[in-house]
Amino acid sequence: MTLDMAKRGQKIYIKKINDEKIKVQAIRLGIYEGTKVDCSLKIPFGPVILSNRMQEIAVGRTLAKKIEIDVIKEGA
């Protein structure tokens, strides 16, 4: 599953970022393989908003399609 398919309110585990340039930029924002984040908002035909600690990051849909995720089940 990729980040563009995440739903609002889901807790997400970043499995893999499939682009080296994006991977380097994402690390600067605190998003890297193994990170757990929340999908705080998903704007129709727009970016996916991730919450990580005390910051929110907007990830464009094209970029979101290159980020593999797992959804964390409640209680896990």
C-alpha atoms as a PDB file:
ATOM      1  CA  MET A   1       0.000   0.000   0.000  1.00  0.00           C
ATOM      2  CA  THR A   2       1.260   3.516  -0.720  1.00  0.00           C
ATOM      3  CA  LEU A   3       0.768   6.732   1.232  1.00  0.00           C
ATOM      4  CA  ASP A   4      -1.733   8.172  -1.262  1.00  0.00           C
ATOM      5  CA  MET A   5      -4.158   5.392  -0.206  1.00  0.00           C
ATOM      6  CA  ALA A   6      -4.030   6.249   3.509  1.00  0.00           C
ATOM      7  CA  LYS A   7      -7.201   7.406   5.224  1.00  0.00           C
ATOM      8  CA  ARG A   8      -7.657  10.264   7.654  1.00  0.00           C
ATOM      9  CA  GLY A   9      -7.034   9.221  11.242  1.00  0.00           C
ATOM     10  CA  GLN A  10      -4.922   6.165  10.425  1.00  0.00           C
ATOM     11  CA  LYS A  11      -1.643   5.526  12.181  1.00  0.00           C
ATOM     12  CA  ILE A  12       0.969   4.697   9.557  1.00  0.00           C
ATOM     13  CA  TYR A  13       4.331   2.933   9.493  1.00  0.00           C
ATOM     14  CA  ILE A  14       6.654   4.103   6.691  1.00  0.00           C
ATOM     15  CA  LYS A  15       8.046   0.906   5.102  1.00  0.00           C
ATOM     16  CA  LYS A  16       9.981   2.191   2.128  1.00  0.00           C
ATOM     17  CA  ILE A  17      10.622   5.400   0.208  1.00  0.00           C
ATOM     18  CA  ASN A  18      11.190   4.460  -3.434  1.00  0.00           C
ATOM     19  CA  ASP A  19      13.177   7.499  -4.553  1.00  0.00           C
ATOM     20  CA  GLU A  20      16.625   8.439  -3.209  1.00  0.00           C
ATOM     21  CA  LYS A  21      16.149  12.208  -3.653  1.00  0.00           C
ATOM     22  CA  ILE A  22      12.809  12.101  -1.864  1.00  0.00           C
ATOM     23  CA  LYS A  23      14.298   9.892   0.859  1.00  0.00           C
ATOM     24  CA  VAL A  24      16.976  12.504   1.653  1.00  0.00           C
ATOM     25  CA  GLN A  25      14.442  15.349   1.718  1.00  0.00           C
ATOM     26  CA  ALA A  26      12.021  13.359   3.883  1.00  0.00           C
ATOM     27  CA  ILE A  27      14.725  12.616   6.457  1.00  0.00           C
ATOM     28  CA  ARG A  28      15.178  16.367   6.949  1.00  0.00           C
ATOM     29  CA  LEU A  29      11.491  16.549   7.857  1.00  0.00           C
ATOM     30  CA  GLY A  30      11.676  13.612  10.264  1.00  0.00           C
ATOM     31  CA  ILE A  31      10.096  11.058   7.931  1.00  0.00           C
ATOM     32  CA  TYR A  32      12.174   7.993   7.170  1.00  0.00           C
ATOM     33  CA  GLU A  33      11.786   4.255   6.798  1.00  0.00           C
ATOM     34  CA  GLY A  34      10.587   2.918  10.145  1.00  0.00           C
ATOM     35  CA  THR A  35       8.836   6.137  11.237  1.00  0.00           C
ATOM     36  CA  LYS A  36       5.338   5.980  12.711  1.00  0.00           C
ATOM     37  CA  VAL A  37       3.119   8.949  11.803  1.00  0.00           C
ATOM     38  CA  ASP A  38      -0.574   9.871  11.734  1.00  0.00           C
ATOM     39  CA  CYS A  39      -2.578  10.758   8.646  1.00  0.00           C
ATOM     40  CA  SER A  40      -4.238  13.880  10.031  1.00  0.00           C
ATOM     41  CA  LEU A  41      -5.909  15.028   6.818  1.00  0.00           C
ATOM     42  CA  LYS A  42      -6.319  13.974   3.206  1.00  0.00           C
ATOM     43  CA  ILE A  43      -7.336  16.758   0.866  1.00  0.00           C
ATOM     44  CA  PRO A  44      -9.323  15.496  -2.165  1.00  0.00           C
ATOM     45  CA  PHE A  45      -7.010  15.528  -5.204  1.00  0.00           C
ATOM     46  CA  GLY A  46      -4.447  17.315  -3.028  1.00  0.00           C
ATOM     47  CA  PRO A  47      -1.774  16.467  -0.478  1.00  0.00           C
ATOM     48  CA  VAL A  48      -1.808  13.991   2.374  1.00  0.00           C
ATOM     49  CA  ILE A  49      -1.126  15.751   5.688  1.00  0.00           C
ATOM     50  CA  LEU A  50       1.011  13.774   8.133  1.00  0.00           C
ATOM     51  CA  SER A  51       1.441  14.541  11.823  1.00  0.00           C
ATOM     52  CA  ASN A  52       4.788  13.629  13.319  1.00  0.00           C
ATOM     53  CA  ARG A  53       5.346  14.675  16.913  1.00  0.00           C
ATOM     54  CA  MET A  54       4.497  18.387  17.045  1.00  0.00           C
ATOM     55  CA  GLN A  55       4.655  19.143  13.312  1.00  0.00           C
ATOM     56  CA  GLU A  56       2.460  18.577  10.294  1.00  0.00           C
ATOM     57  CA  ILE A  57       3.878  17.853   6.860  1.00  0.00           C
ATOM     58  CA  ALA A  58       2.012  18.051   3.545  1.00  0.00           C
ATOM     59  CA  VAL A  59       3.038  15.347   1.080  1.00  0.00           C
ATOM     60  CA  GLY A  60       1.867  15.802  -2.519  1.00  0.00           C
ATOM     61  CA  ARG A  61       0.010  12.924  -4.163  1.00  0.00           C
ATOM     62  CA  THR A  62       2.729  12.212  -6.741  1.00  0.00           C
ATOM     63  CA  LEU A  63       5.291  11.934  -3.960  1.00  0.00           C
ATOM     64  CA  ALA A  64       2.884   9.940  -1.758  1.00  0.00           C
ATOM     65  CA  LYS A  65       2.646   7.276  -4.482  1.00  0.00           C
ATOM     66  CA  LYS A  66       6.380   6.578  -4.004  1.00  0.00           C
ATOM     67  CA  ILE A  67       6.133   5.936  -0.252  1.00  0.00           C
ATOM     68  CA  GLU A  68       5.191   2.419   0.838  1.00  0.00           C
ATOM     69  CA  ILE A  69       3.311   2.139   4.130  1.00  0.00           C
ATOM     70  CA  ASP A  70       1.604  -0.255   6.508  1.00  0.00           C
ATOM     71  CA  VAL A  71      -1.406   0.774   8.545  1.00  0.00           C
ATOM     72  CA  ILE A  72      -0.907   0.216  12.276  1.00  0.00           C
ATOM     73  CA  LYS A  73      -3.877  -1.542  13.804  1.00  0.00           C
ATOM     74  CA  GLU A  74      -5.337  -0.098  17.007  1.00  0.00           C
ATOM     75  CA  GLY A  75      -3.864  -1.752  20.083  1.00  0.00           C
ATOM     76  CA  ALA A  76      -0.730  -2.874  18.248  1.00  0.00           C
END
